[in-house]
Amino acid sequence: TADESDRVSATLERALGVYSEVVVKPAVGASSFDTFRVVAADLAAPFTFVEDPAVLELRGRPTALPEGKTEFARKAEFFDALFAGVPCLVQPYIPEVASQGEYSLFYFAGALSHAMLKRPKAGDFRVQEEYGAEHQQVAFTDVPAGVVDCAKRALAALPSSRPPLYCRVDVVALSTARLQQAAADPDLFVVASGGVDL
């Protein structure tokens, strides 16, 4: 995790000493705003920031960069400017998200309600429909073995004796379980699932 006291470029350099590719994003965010894939060679390369039209439309404002700067001598400087004062996450890039998609499991008061498979469009890694991703509801019997167990372990690890009223757990099916938990996400996929009886 990178925070206000640490330049995100330094955190990226450390992470890229372990992983060949990482993702950097705000610790609190939505719709993959300010989310980037990064390899080590990116950090030293010159960089021109070009606003993604889909992000601009969704967010309703330009990306916040100091003085509207778009030209950077090194991409590391861009990341430091973008995330100045913004807690962010640096995590390994998981290629299976792009090749297989990720499962979202939805729980209400601890009970599994429905599951979705989110697949990004070809050439992208973002799983939001706004970027061309496909979402489809999947039957629990079609969810790969271990995915539901992984989600249950994530719920059990939450620091509360009671399950949250609502929780979405995103899981990528790998030989070793990795997951990203979103404990308070506004997108319930109720329309895509045909409605949910609560």
N, C-alpha and C. Protein backbone atom coordinates (compact mmCIF):
# COMPACT_ATOMS: atom_id res chain seq x y z
N THR A 1 0.85 -1.19 0.00
CA THR A 1 0.00 0.00 0.00
C THR A 1 0.89 1.24 0.00
N ALA A 2 0.54 2.18 -0.85
CA ALA A 2 1.24 3.47 -0.86
C ALA A 2 0.32 4.49 -0.21
N ASP A 3 0.86 5.38 0.60
CA ASP A 3 0.04 6.42 1.20
C ASP A 3 0.73 7.77 1.03
N GLU A 4 0.20 8.79 1.73
CA GLU A 4 0.68 10.15 1.54
C GLU A 4 2.16 10.31 1.86
N SER A 5 2.70 9.48 2.75
CA SER A 5 4.08 9.65 3.18
C SER A 5 5.08 8.93 2.28
N ASP A 6 4.61 8.27 1.24
CA ASP A 6 5.49 7.48 0.39
C ASP A 6 5.16 7.79 -1.07
N ARG A 7 6.17 8.14 -1.85
CA ARG A 7 5.93 8.35 -3.28
C ARG A 7 5.48 7.04 -3.89
N VAL A 8 4.41 7.08 -4.66
CA VAL A 8 3.91 5.85 -5.27
C VAL A 8 4.94 5.26 -6.23
N SER A 9 5.77 6.09 -6.86
CA SER A 9 6.79 5.55 -7.77
C SER A 9 7.77 4.66 -7.02
N ALA A 10 8.11 5.01 -5.77
CA ALA A 10 9.01 4.17 -4.98
C ALA A 10 8.35 2.84 -4.65
N THR A 11 7.08 2.89 -4.33
CA THR A 11 6.34 1.66 -4.06
C THR A 11 6.25 0.80 -5.32
N LEU A 12 6.02 1.44 -6.46
CA LEU A 12 5.97 0.70 -7.72
C LEU A 12 7.32 0.04 -8.01
N GLU A 13 8.41 0.76 -7.80
CA GLU A 13 9.74 0.19 -8.03
C GLU A 13 9.98 -1.04 -7.16
N ARG A 14 9.58 -0.94 -5.88
CA ARG A 14 9.74 -2.09 -4.98
C ARG A 14 8.90 -3.27 -5.46
N ALA A 15 7.65 -3.01 -5.81
CA ALA A 15 6.75 -4.08 -6.26
C ALA A 15 7.25 -4.72 -7.55
N LEU A 16 7.78 -3.89 -8.45
CA LEU A 16 8.27 -4.42 -9.73
C LEU A 16 9.60 -5.15 -9.58
N GLY A 17 10.21 -5.07 -8.42
CA GLY A 17 11.37 -5.90 -8.13
C GLY A 17 10.96 -7.33 -7.79
N VAL A 18 9.67 -7.52 -7.51
CA VAL A 18 9.13 -8.83 -7.15
C VAL A 18 8.25 -9.39 -8.27
N TYR A 19 7.43 -8.53 -8.86
CA TYR A 19 6.46 -8.94 -9.89
C TYR A 19 6.85 -8.32 -11.23
N SER A 20 6.54 -9.02 -12.31
CA SER A 20 6.87 -8.48 -13.64
C SER A 20 5.90 -7.38 -14.06
N GLU A 21 4.71 -7.40 -13.51
CA GLU A 21 3.71 -6.39 -13.85
C GLU A 21 2.79 -6.19 -12.66
N VAL A 22 2.40 -4.93 -12.42
CA VAL A 22 1.52 -4.61 -11.30
C VAL A 22 0.40 -3.70 -11.78
N VAL A 23 -0.57 -3.52 -10.91
CA VAL A 23 -1.66 -2.57 -11.11
C VAL A 23 -1.59 -1.56 -9.99
N VAL A 24 -1.75 -0.29 -10.32
CA VAL A 24 -1.82 0.77 -9.31
C VAL A 24 -3.18 1.43 -9.45
N LYS A 25 -3.82 1.69 -8.30
CA LYS A 25 -5.15 2.29 -8.30
C LYS A 25 -5.41 2.94 -6.95
N PRO A 26 -6.38 3.85 -6.89
CA PRO A 26 -6.72 4.46 -5.59
C PRO A 26 -7.22 3.40 -4.62
N ALA A 27 -6.93 3.57 -3.33
CA ALA A 27 -7.41 2.63 -2.32
C ALA A 27 -8.93 2.65 -2.24
N VAL A 28 -9.53 3.78 -2.50
CA VAL A 28 -10.99 3.90 -2.56
C VAL A 28 -11.32 4.45 -3.93
N GLY A 29 -12.09 3.72 -4.69
CA GLY A 29 -12.40 4.17 -6.03
C GLY A 29 -13.55 3.39 -6.62
N ALA A 30 -13.90 3.74 -7.83
CA ALA A 30 -14.98 3.07 -8.55
C ALA A 30 -14.69 3.14 -10.04
N SER A 31 -15.24 2.23 -10.76
CA SER A 31 -15.20 2.22 -12.23
C SER A 31 -13.79 2.26 -12.81
N SER A 32 -12.83 1.73 -12.09
CA SER A 32 -11.43 1.69 -12.55
C SER A 32 -10.85 3.07 -12.86
N PHE A 33 -11.38 4.11 -12.23
CA PHE A 33 -10.79 5.43 -12.39
C PHE A 33 -9.36 5.40 -11.87
N ASP A 34 -8.44 6.01 -12.60
CA ASP A 34 -7.04 6.13 -12.19
C ASP A 34 -6.42 4.77 -11.87
N THR A 35 -6.73 3.79 -12.70
CA THR A 35 -6.20 2.44 -12.56
C THR A 35 -5.32 2.12 -13.76
N PHE A 36 -4.08 1.68 -13.48
CA PHE A 36 -3.10 1.49 -14.55
C PHE A 36 -2.33 0.19 -14.36
N ARG A 37 -2.04 -0.49 -15.47
CA ARG A 37 -1.08 -1.59 -15.48
C ARG A 37 0.30 -0.97 -15.65
N VAL A 38 1.30 -1.53 -14.95
CA VAL A 38 2.64 -0.95 -14.99
C VAL A 38 3.68 -2.08 -15.06
N VAL A 39 4.66 -1.91 -15.95
CA VAL A 39 5.85 -2.77 -15.97
C VAL A 39 7.04 -1.87 -15.66
N ALA A 40 8.17 -2.47 -15.28
CA ALA A 40 9.33 -1.69 -14.83
C ALA A 40 9.78 -0.67 -15.86
N ALA A 41 9.82 -1.04 -17.14
CA ALA A 41 10.29 -0.13 -18.18
C ALA A 41 9.43 1.13 -18.29
N ASP A 42 8.17 1.05 -17.87
CA ASP A 42 7.27 2.21 -17.93
C ASP A 42 7.76 3.37 -17.08
N LEU A 43 8.33 3.07 -15.93
CA LEU A 43 8.63 4.12 -14.95
C LEU A 43 9.64 5.14 -15.46
N ALA A 44 10.63 4.73 -16.23
CA ALA A 44 11.66 5.65 -16.70
C ALA A 44 11.32 6.27 -18.05
N ALA A 45 10.31 5.77 -18.71
CA ALA A 45 9.97 6.25 -20.05
C ALA A 45 9.23 7.58 -19.99
N PRO A 46 9.45 8.46 -20.98
CA PRO A 46 8.65 9.69 -21.06
C PRO A 46 7.17 9.32 -21.21
N PHE A 47 6.30 10.18 -20.72
CA PHE A 47 4.87 9.85 -20.73
C PHE A 47 4.03 11.09 -21.01
N THR A 48 3.08 10.94 -21.91
CA THR A 48 2.08 11.97 -22.18
C THR A 48 0.74 11.41 -21.75
N PHE A 49 0.09 12.07 -20.81
CA PHE A 49 -1.21 11.61 -20.34
C PHE A 49 -2.28 12.07 -21.32
N VAL A 50 -3.10 11.13 -21.76
CA VAL A 50 -4.24 11.42 -22.63
C VAL A 50 -5.48 10.93 -21.89
N GLU A 51 -6.40 11.82 -21.69
CA GLU A 51 -7.63 11.50 -20.96
C GLU A 51 -8.42 10.42 -21.69
N ASP A 52 -8.82 9.38 -20.99
CA ASP A 52 -9.68 8.33 -21.55
C ASP A 52 -11.09 8.91 -21.65
N PRO A 53 -11.65 9.00 -22.85
CA PRO A 53 -12.99 9.59 -23.00
C PRO A 53 -14.06 8.90 -22.15
N ALA A 54 -13.96 7.58 -21.99
CA ALA A 54 -14.94 6.86 -21.18
C ALA A 54 -14.84 7.29 -19.72
N VAL A 55 -13.61 7.45 -19.21
CA VAL A 55 -13.43 7.88 -17.82
C VAL A 55 -13.94 9.31 -17.65
N LEU A 56 -13.63 10.17 -18.60
CA LEU A 56 -14.10 11.56 -18.52
C LEU A 56 -15.62 11.62 -18.46
N GLU A 57 -16.27 10.84 -19.30
CA GLU A 57 -17.74 10.83 -19.31
C GLU A 57 -18.30 10.28 -18.01
N LEU A 58 -17.74 9.19 -17.52
CA LEU A 58 -18.24 8.56 -16.30
C LEU A 58 -18.01 9.43 -15.07
N ARG A 59 -16.81 9.98 -14.96
CA ARG A 59 -16.45 10.76 -13.78
C ARG A 59 -17.06 12.16 -13.85
N GLY A 60 -17.24 12.66 -15.07
CA GLY A 60 -17.84 13.97 -15.22
C GLY A 60 -16.88 15.13 -15.02
N ARG A 61 -15.59 14.83 -14.95
CA ARG A 61 -14.57 15.87 -14.80
C ARG A 61 -13.24 15.29 -15.26
N PRO A 62 -12.31 16.15 -15.64
CA PRO A 62 -10.98 15.65 -16.03
C PRO A 62 -10.23 15.04 -14.85
N THR A 63 -9.27 14.20 -15.16
CA THR A 63 -8.40 13.63 -14.15
C THR A 63 -7.64 14.76 -13.46
N ALA A 64 -7.56 14.68 -12.14
CA ALA A 64 -6.93 15.75 -11.35
C ALA A 64 -5.40 15.61 -11.40
N LEU A 65 -4.77 16.46 -12.20
CA LEU A 65 -3.31 16.54 -12.25
C LEU A 65 -2.90 17.97 -11.94
N PRO A 66 -1.77 18.16 -11.24
CA PRO A 66 -1.35 19.52 -10.88
C PRO A 66 -1.24 20.41 -12.11
N GLU A 67 -1.93 21.54 -12.04
CA GLU A 67 -1.89 22.55 -13.09
C GLU A 67 -2.23 21.99 -14.47
N GLY A 68 -3.00 20.91 -14.51
CA GLY A 68 -3.39 20.32 -15.78
C GLY A 68 -2.24 19.75 -16.59
N LYS A 69 -1.12 19.48 -15.93
CA LYS A 69 0.07 18.97 -16.61
C LYS A 69 -0.22 17.63 -17.28
N THR A 70 0.23 17.45 -18.51
CA THR A 70 0.03 16.19 -19.23
C THR A 70 1.34 15.59 -19.74
N GLU A 71 2.43 16.37 -19.76
CA GLU A 71 3.73 15.89 -20.26
C GLU A 71 4.65 15.62 -19.07
N PHE A 72 5.23 14.42 -19.04
CA PHE A 72 6.11 14.02 -17.94
C PHE A 72 7.38 13.42 -18.52
N ALA A 73 8.52 13.80 -17.96
CA ALA A 73 9.80 13.28 -18.42
C ALA A 73 9.91 11.78 -18.15
N ARG A 74 9.28 11.35 -17.06
CA ARG A 74 9.25 9.93 -16.70
C ARG A 74 7.84 9.58 -16.25
N LYS A 75 7.36 8.40 -16.59
CA LYS A 75 6.01 8.01 -16.16
C LYS A 75 5.92 7.94 -14.64
N ALA A 76 7.04 7.67 -13.97
CA ALA A 76 7.06 7.66 -12.51
C ALA A 76 6.59 9.02 -11.97
N GLU A 77 6.98 10.11 -12.63
CA GLU A 77 6.55 11.45 -12.21
C GLU A 77 5.04 11.62 -12.36
N PHE A 78 4.48 11.04 -13.42
CA PHE A 78 3.03 11.08 -13.60
C PHE A 78 2.32 10.40 -12.44
N PHE A 79 2.78 9.19 -12.06
CA PHE A 79 2.14 8.48 -10.96
C PHE A 79 2.28 9.25 -9.65
N ASP A 80 3.45 9.86 -9.41
CA ASP A 80 3.62 10.66 -8.19
C ASP A 80 2.68 11.86 -8.17
N ALA A 81 2.49 12.49 -9.33
CA ALA A 81 1.58 13.64 -9.41
C ALA A 81 0.13 13.20 -9.24
N LEU A 82 -0.26 12.12 -9.91
CA LEU A 82 -1.65 11.65 -9.87
C LEU A 82 -2.04 11.22 -8.46
N PHE A 83 -1.14 10.53 -7.78
CA PHE A 83 -1.46 9.97 -6.47
C PHE A 83 -0.91 10.78 -5.30
N ALA A 84 -0.48 12.01 -5.54
CA ALA A 84 0.00 12.87 -4.45
C ALA A 84 -1.13 13.06 -3.43
N GLY A 85 -0.89 12.63 -2.20
CA GLY A 85 -1.89 12.79 -1.16
C GLY A 85 -3.07 11.84 -1.25
N VAL A 86 -3.00 10.85 -2.15
CA VAL A 86 -4.10 9.91 -2.35
C VAL A 86 -3.62 8.50 -1.98
N PRO A 87 -4.17 7.90 -0.93
CA PRO A 87 -3.78 6.52 -0.63
C PRO A 87 -4.11 5.62 -1.83
N CYS A 88 -3.20 4.74 -2.16
CA CYS A 88 -3.44 3.87 -3.32
C CYS A 88 -2.94 2.47 -3.03
N LEU A 89 -3.32 1.57 -3.91
CA LEU A 89 -2.91 0.17 -3.82
C LEU A 89 -2.01 -0.16 -4.99
N VAL A 90 -0.99 -0.93 -4.73
CA VAL A 90 -0.14 -1.50 -5.78
C VAL A 90 -0.21 -3.00 -5.56
N GLN A 91 -0.70 -3.71 -6.57
CA GLN A 91 -0.90 -5.15 -6.43
C GLN A 91 -0.42 -5.86 -7.68
N PRO A 92 -0.10 -7.15 -7.56
CA PRO A 92 0.34 -7.88 -8.76
C PRO A 92 -0.76 -7.87 -9.82
N TYR A 93 -0.36 -7.75 -11.07
CA TYR A 93 -1.31 -7.89 -12.17
C TYR A 93 -1.63 -9.38 -12.32
N ILE A 94 -2.89 -9.72 -12.41
CA ILE A 94 -3.32 -11.10 -12.55
C ILE A 94 -3.86 -11.28 -13.97
N PRO A 95 -3.07 -11.89 -14.86
CA PRO A 95 -3.47 -11.98 -16.27
C PRO A 95 -4.77 -12.74 -16.49
N GLU A 96 -5.13 -13.63 -15.56
CA GLU A 96 -6.38 -14.38 -15.70
C GLU A 96 -7.60 -13.47 -15.68
N VAL A 97 -7.50 -12.28 -15.11
CA VAL A 97 -8.63 -11.35 -15.15
C VAL A 97 -8.94 -11.02 -16.61
N ALA A 98 -7.90 -10.76 -17.41
CA ALA A 98 -8.11 -10.43 -18.82
C ALA A 98 -8.49 -11.66 -19.64
N SER A 99 -7.91 -12.82 -19.32
CA SER A 99 -8.15 -14.00 -20.16
C SER A 99 -9.40 -14.78 -19.77
N GLN A 100 -9.74 -14.80 -18.48
CA GLN A 100 -10.88 -15.60 -18.03
C GLN A 100 -11.97 -14.79 -17.37
N GLY A 101 -11.65 -13.60 -16.90
CA GLY A 101 -12.63 -12.79 -16.18
C GLY A 101 -12.55 -13.03 -14.69
N GLU A 102 -13.42 -12.33 -13.96
CA GLU A 102 -13.49 -12.51 -12.52
C GLU A 102 -14.94 -12.74 -12.12
N TYR A 103 -15.10 -13.49 -11.05
CA TYR A 103 -16.43 -13.77 -10.52
C TYR A 103 -16.74 -12.79 -9.41
N SER A 104 -17.95 -12.27 -9.42
CA SER A 104 -18.45 -11.44 -8.33
C SER A 104 -19.56 -12.21 -7.64
N LEU A 105 -19.38 -12.44 -6.34
CA LEU A 105 -20.38 -13.14 -5.55
C LEU A 105 -21.00 -12.13 -4.59
N PHE A 106 -22.31 -12.12 -4.53
CA PHE A 106 -23.05 -11.11 -3.78
C PHE A 106 -23.74 -11.75 -2.58
N TYR A 107 -23.49 -11.16 -1.42
CA TYR A 107 -24.04 -11.68 -0.18
C TYR A 107 -24.89 -10.60 0.49
N PHE A 108 -26.03 -11.02 1.02
CA PHE A 108 -26.88 -10.15 1.81
C PHE A 108 -27.03 -10.80 3.18
N ALA A 109 -26.60 -10.12 4.23
CA ALA A 109 -26.63 -10.62 5.60
C ALA A 109 -25.98 -12.01 5.67
N GLY A 110 -24.91 -12.20 4.92
CA GLY A 110 -24.15 -13.44 4.96
C GLY A 110 -24.64 -14.53 4.04
N ALA A 111 -25.79 -14.34 3.39
CA ALA A 111 -26.34 -15.37 2.50
C ALA A 111 -25.99 -15.03 1.05
N LEU A 112 -25.48 -16.02 0.33
CA LEU A 112 -25.13 -15.84 -1.09
C LEU A 112 -26.41 -15.62 -1.88
N SER A 113 -26.46 -14.52 -2.61
CA SER A 113 -27.65 -14.13 -3.37
C SER A 113 -27.52 -14.49 -4.84
N HIS A 114 -26.44 -14.02 -5.48
CA HIS A 114 -26.24 -14.28 -6.90
C HIS A 114 -24.78 -14.11 -7.26
N ALA A 115 -24.42 -14.58 -8.45
CA ALA A 115 -23.03 -14.51 -8.90
C ALA A 115 -23.01 -14.03 -10.34
N MET A 116 -21.97 -13.26 -10.66
CA MET A 116 -21.78 -12.75 -12.01
C MET A 116 -20.36 -13.09 -12.46
N LEU A 117 -20.21 -13.31 -13.76
CA LEU A 117 -18.90 -13.44 -14.37
C LEU A 117 -18.68 -12.18 -15.20
N LYS A 118 -17.58 -11.48 -14.94
CA LYS A 118 -17.27 -10.22 -15.63
C LYS A 118 -16.01 -10.45 -16.46
N ARG A 119 -16.13 -10.27 -17.78
CA ARG A 119 -14.99 -10.47 -18.68
C ARG A 119 -14.70 -9.16 -19.42
N PRO A 120 -13.44 -8.70 -19.36
CA PRO A 120 -13.11 -7.46 -20.08
C PRO A 120 -13.10 -7.68 -21.58
N LYS A 121 -13.25 -6.58 -22.32
CA LYS A 121 -13.16 -6.71 -23.78
C LYS A 121 -11.71 -7.05 -24.14
N ALA A 122 -11.52 -7.59 -25.32
CA ALA A 122 -10.18 -7.98 -25.78
C ALA A 122 -9.23 -6.79 -25.70
N GLY A 123 -8.04 -7.03 -25.15
CA GLY A 123 -7.03 -5.99 -25.05
C GLY A 123 -7.14 -5.11 -23.82
N ASP A 124 -8.14 -5.33 -22.98
CA ASP A 124 -8.32 -4.51 -21.78
C ASP A 124 -8.28 -5.42 -20.56
N PHE A 125 -8.16 -4.84 -19.39
CA PHE A 125 -8.17 -5.62 -18.16
C PHE A 125 -9.29 -5.16 -17.23
N ARG A 126 -9.94 -4.06 -17.59
CA ARG A 126 -11.00 -3.51 -16.74
C ARG A 126 -12.29 -4.30 -16.98
N VAL A 127 -12.99 -4.66 -15.92
CA VAL A 127 -14.16 -5.52 -16.03
C VAL A 127 -15.49 -4.76 -15.93
N GLN A 128 -15.44 -3.45 -16.10
CA GLN A 128 -16.67 -2.67 -16.06
C GLN A 128 -17.29 -2.60 -17.46
N GLU A 129 -18.62 -2.68 -17.51
CA GLU A 129 -19.33 -2.62 -18.79
C GLU A 129 -19.05 -1.32 -19.54
N GLU A 130 -18.80 -0.25 -18.79
CA GLU A 130 -18.54 1.04 -19.42
C GLU A 130 -17.32 1.00 -20.34
N TYR A 131 -16.44 0.03 -20.15
CA TYR A 131 -15.24 -0.11 -20.98
C TYR A 131 -15.37 -1.27 -21.96
N GLY A 132 -16.59 -1.76 -22.14
CA GLY A 132 -16.83 -2.82 -23.11
C GLY A 132 -16.80 -4.23 -22.54
N ALA A 133 -16.71 -4.37 -21.23
CA ALA A 133 -16.70 -5.71 -20.62
C ALA A 133 -18.08 -6.35 -20.74
N GLU A 134 -18.08 -7.68 -20.72
CA GLU A 134 -19.33 -8.44 -20.72
C GLU A 134 -19.60 -8.94 -19.31
N HIS A 135 -20.85 -8.85 -18.89
CA HIS A 135 -21.28 -9.36 -17.59
C HIS A 135 -22.39 -10.38 -17.83
N GLN A 136 -22.29 -11.49 -17.15
CA GLN A 136 -23.37 -12.47 -17.26
C GLN A 136 -23.59 -13.13 -15.92
N GLN A 137 -24.85 -13.36 -15.58
CA GLN A 137 -25.15 -14.07 -14.36
C GLN A 137 -24.78 -15.53 -14.56
N VAL A 138 -24.24 -16.15 -13.51
CA VAL A 138 -23.88 -17.56 -13.58
C VAL A 138 -24.55 -18.30 -12.43
N ALA A 139 -24.96 -19.53 -12.72
CA ALA A 139 -25.52 -20.38 -11.68
C ALA A 139 -24.41 -20.77 -10.72
N PHE A 140 -24.75 -20.95 -9.47
CA PHE A 140 -23.73 -21.32 -8.48
C PHE A 140 -23.02 -22.61 -8.89
N THR A 141 -23.74 -23.51 -9.57
CA THR A 141 -23.13 -24.78 -10.00
C THR A 141 -22.11 -24.57 -11.11
N ASP A 142 -22.14 -23.41 -11.78
CA ASP A 142 -21.19 -23.12 -12.85
C ASP A 142 -19.97 -22.33 -12.38
N VAL A 143 -19.96 -21.96 -11.11
CA VAL A 143 -18.82 -21.24 -10.54
C VAL A 143 -17.73 -22.27 -10.25
N PRO A 144 -16.48 -22.04 -10.69
CA PRO A 144 -15.41 -23.02 -10.48
C PRO A 144 -15.25 -23.42 -9.01
N ALA A 145 -14.85 -24.66 -8.82
CA ALA A 145 -14.62 -25.18 -7.46
C ALA A 145 -13.63 -24.26 -6.74
N GLY A 146 -13.92 -23.98 -5.52
CA GLY A 146 -13.03 -23.17 -4.71
C GLY A 146 -13.37 -21.69 -4.67
N VAL A 147 -14.08 -21.18 -5.68
CA VAL A 147 -14.39 -19.75 -5.72
C VAL A 147 -15.34 -19.37 -4.59
N VAL A 148 -16.40 -20.15 -4.40
CA VAL A 148 -17.35 -19.84 -3.32
C VAL A 148 -16.65 -20.01 -1.96
N ASP A 149 -15.84 -21.06 -1.81
CA ASP A 149 -15.10 -21.26 -0.55
C ASP A 149 -14.17 -20.08 -0.28
N CYS A 150 -13.51 -19.59 -1.32
CA CYS A 150 -12.62 -18.44 -1.17
C CYS A 150 -13.41 -17.22 -0.69
N ALA A 151 -14.57 -16.99 -1.28
CA ALA A 151 -15.41 -15.86 -0.89
C ALA A 151 -15.88 -16.01 0.56
N LYS A 152 -16.24 -17.23 0.95
CA LYS A 152 -16.67 -17.47 2.34
C LYS A 152 -15.53 -17.17 3.31
N ARG A 153 -14.30 -17.54 2.95
CA ARG A 153 -13.15 -17.26 3.80
C ARG A 153 -12.94 -15.74 3.93
N ALA A 154 -13.17 -15.02 2.84
CA ALA A 154 -13.03 -13.56 2.90
C ALA A 154 -14.06 -12.96 3.85
N LEU A 155 -15.29 -13.43 3.78
CA LEU A 155 -16.33 -12.93 4.68
C LEU A 155 -16.00 -13.27 6.13
N ALA A 156 -15.50 -14.48 6.36
CA ALA A 156 -15.16 -14.89 7.72
C ALA A 156 -14.01 -14.07 8.29
N ALA A 157 -13.16 -13.53 7.42
CA ALA A 157 -12.00 -12.75 7.87
C ALA A 157 -12.35 -11.30 8.20
N LEU A 158 -13.55 -10.86 7.87
CA LEU A 158 -13.93 -9.48 8.17
C LEU A 158 -13.93 -9.25 9.68
N PRO A 159 -13.52 -8.06 10.13
CA PRO A 159 -13.38 -7.79 11.57
C PRO A 159 -14.72 -7.47 12.24
N SER A 160 -15.65 -8.42 12.19
CA SER A 160 -16.95 -8.23 12.81
C SER A 160 -17.51 -9.59 13.17
N SER A 161 -18.28 -9.64 14.23
CA SER A 161 -18.89 -10.91 14.62
C SER A 161 -20.15 -11.19 13.80
N ARG A 162 -20.65 -10.17 13.12
CA ARG A 162 -21.85 -10.34 12.29
C ARG A 162 -21.49 -10.07 10.84
N PRO A 163 -22.12 -10.80 9.91
CA PRO A 163 -21.83 -10.53 8.50
C PRO A 163 -22.35 -9.15 8.11
N PRO A 164 -21.72 -8.53 7.12
CA PRO A 164 -22.21 -7.22 6.67
C PRO A 164 -23.59 -7.37 6.04
N LEU A 165 -24.35 -6.28 6.06
CA LEU A 165 -25.66 -6.30 5.43
C LEU A 165 -25.52 -6.64 3.95
N TYR A 166 -24.50 -6.09 3.32
CA TYR A 166 -24.24 -6.36 1.90
C TYR A 166 -22.74 -6.49 1.69
N CYS A 167 -22.34 -7.43 0.87
CA CYS A 167 -20.93 -7.56 0.53
C CYS A 167 -20.81 -8.20 -0.85
N ARG A 168 -19.92 -7.64 -1.65
CA ARG A 168 -19.56 -8.26 -2.93
C ARG A 168 -18.12 -8.72 -2.81
N VAL A 169 -17.87 -9.97 -3.17
CA VAL A 169 -16.52 -10.50 -3.14
C VAL A 169 -16.16 -10.88 -4.57
N ASP A 170 -15.07 -10.32 -5.08
CA ASP A 170 -14.57 -10.62 -6.42
C ASP A 170 -13.46 -11.66 -6.29
N VAL A 171 -13.55 -12.71 -7.09
CA VAL A 171 -12.59 -13.80 -7.02
C VAL A 171 -12.15 -14.17 -8.44
N VAL A 172 -10.86 -14.36 -8.61
CA VAL A 172 -10.30 -14.83 -9.87
C VAL A 172 -9.89 -16.29 -9.65
N ALA A 173 -10.34 -17.16 -10.53
CA ALA A 173 -10.04 -18.59 -10.39
C ALA A 173 -8.61 -18.86 -10.86
N LEU A 174 -7.75 -19.26 -9.91
CA LEU A 174 -6.36 -19.61 -10.18
C LEU A 174 -6.06 -20.92 -9.48
N SER A 175 -4.89 -21.47 -9.73
CA SER A 175 -4.49 -22.68 -9.02
C SER A 175 -4.28 -22.38 -7.54
N THR A 176 -3.86 -21.15 -7.23
CA THR A 176 -3.79 -20.70 -5.84
C THR A 176 -4.81 -19.59 -5.68
N ALA A 177 -5.55 -19.63 -4.62
CA ALA A 177 -6.66 -18.68 -4.45
C ALA A 177 -6.13 -17.27 -4.22
N ARG A 178 -6.60 -16.34 -5.02
CA ARG A 178 -6.35 -14.92 -4.81
C ARG A 178 -7.69 -14.24 -4.92
N LEU A 179 -7.90 -13.23 -4.14
CA LEU A 179 -9.17 -12.55 -4.21
C LEU A 179 -9.00 -11.08 -3.92
N GLN A 180 -9.98 -10.35 -4.38
CA GLN A 180 -10.09 -8.94 -4.03
C GLN A 180 -11.46 -8.79 -3.44
N GLN A 181 -11.54 -8.20 -2.28
CA GLN A 181 -12.83 -8.06 -1.63
C GLN A 181 -13.29 -6.62 -1.72
N ALA A 182 -14.52 -6.45 -2.12
CA ALA A 182 -15.16 -5.15 -2.11
C ALA A 182 -16.33 -5.25 -1.16
N ALA A 183 -16.17 -4.72 0.03
CA ALA A 183 -17.19 -4.91 1.07
C ALA A 183 -18.32 -3.90 1.02
N ALA A 184 -18.22 -2.90 0.19
CA ALA A 184 -19.29 -1.90 0.11
C ALA A 184 -19.30 -1.32 -1.29
N ASP A 185 -19.79 -2.09 -2.23
CA ASP A 185 -19.79 -1.65 -3.62
C ASP A 185 -21.21 -1.30 -4.04
N PRO A 186 -21.41 -0.18 -4.71
CA PRO A 186 -22.77 0.22 -5.04
C PRO A 186 -23.41 -0.58 -6.17
N ASP A 187 -22.66 -1.32 -6.96
CA ASP A 187 -23.25 -2.04 -8.09
C ASP A 187 -23.62 -3.45 -7.69
N LEU A 188 -24.92 -3.68 -7.52
CA LEU A 188 -25.42 -4.98 -7.09
C LEU A 188 -25.72 -5.91 -8.26
N PHE A 189 -25.71 -5.39 -9.51
CA PHE A 189 -26.03 -6.17 -10.69
C PHE A 189 -27.43 -6.78 -10.59
N VAL A 190 -28.34 -6.07 -9.93
CA VAL A 190 -29.70 -6.58 -9.76
C VAL A 190 -30.41 -6.64 -11.11
N VAL A 191 -30.23 -5.64 -11.96
CA VAL A 191 -30.88 -5.64 -13.28
C VAL A 191 -30.37 -6.80 -14.12
N ALA A 192 -29.05 -6.99 -14.14
CA ALA A 192 -28.46 -8.06 -14.94
C ALA A 192 -28.88 -9.44 -14.43
N SER A 193 -29.18 -9.55 -13.15
CA SER A 193 -29.52 -10.84 -12.59
C SER A 193 -31.01 -11.14 -12.69
N GLY A 194 -31.78 -10.20 -13.26
CA GLY A 194 -33.21 -10.42 -13.39
C GLY A 194 -33.98 -10.08 -12.12
N GLY A 195 -33.35 -9.42 -11.20
CA GLY A 195 -34.01 -9.03 -9.95
C GLY A 195 -33.64 -9.97 -8.85
N VAL A 196 -33.69 -9.46 -7.63
CA VAL A 196 -33.33 -10.25 -6.46
C VAL A 196 -34.43 -10.08 -5.43
N ASP A 197 -34.91 -11.18 -4.88
CA ASP A 197 -35.90 -11.11 -3.80
C ASP A 197 -35.17 -10.95 -2.49
N LEU A 198 -35.39 -9.82 -1.83
CA LEU A 198 -34.72 -9.57 -0.55
C LEU A 198 -35.69 -9.77 0.60
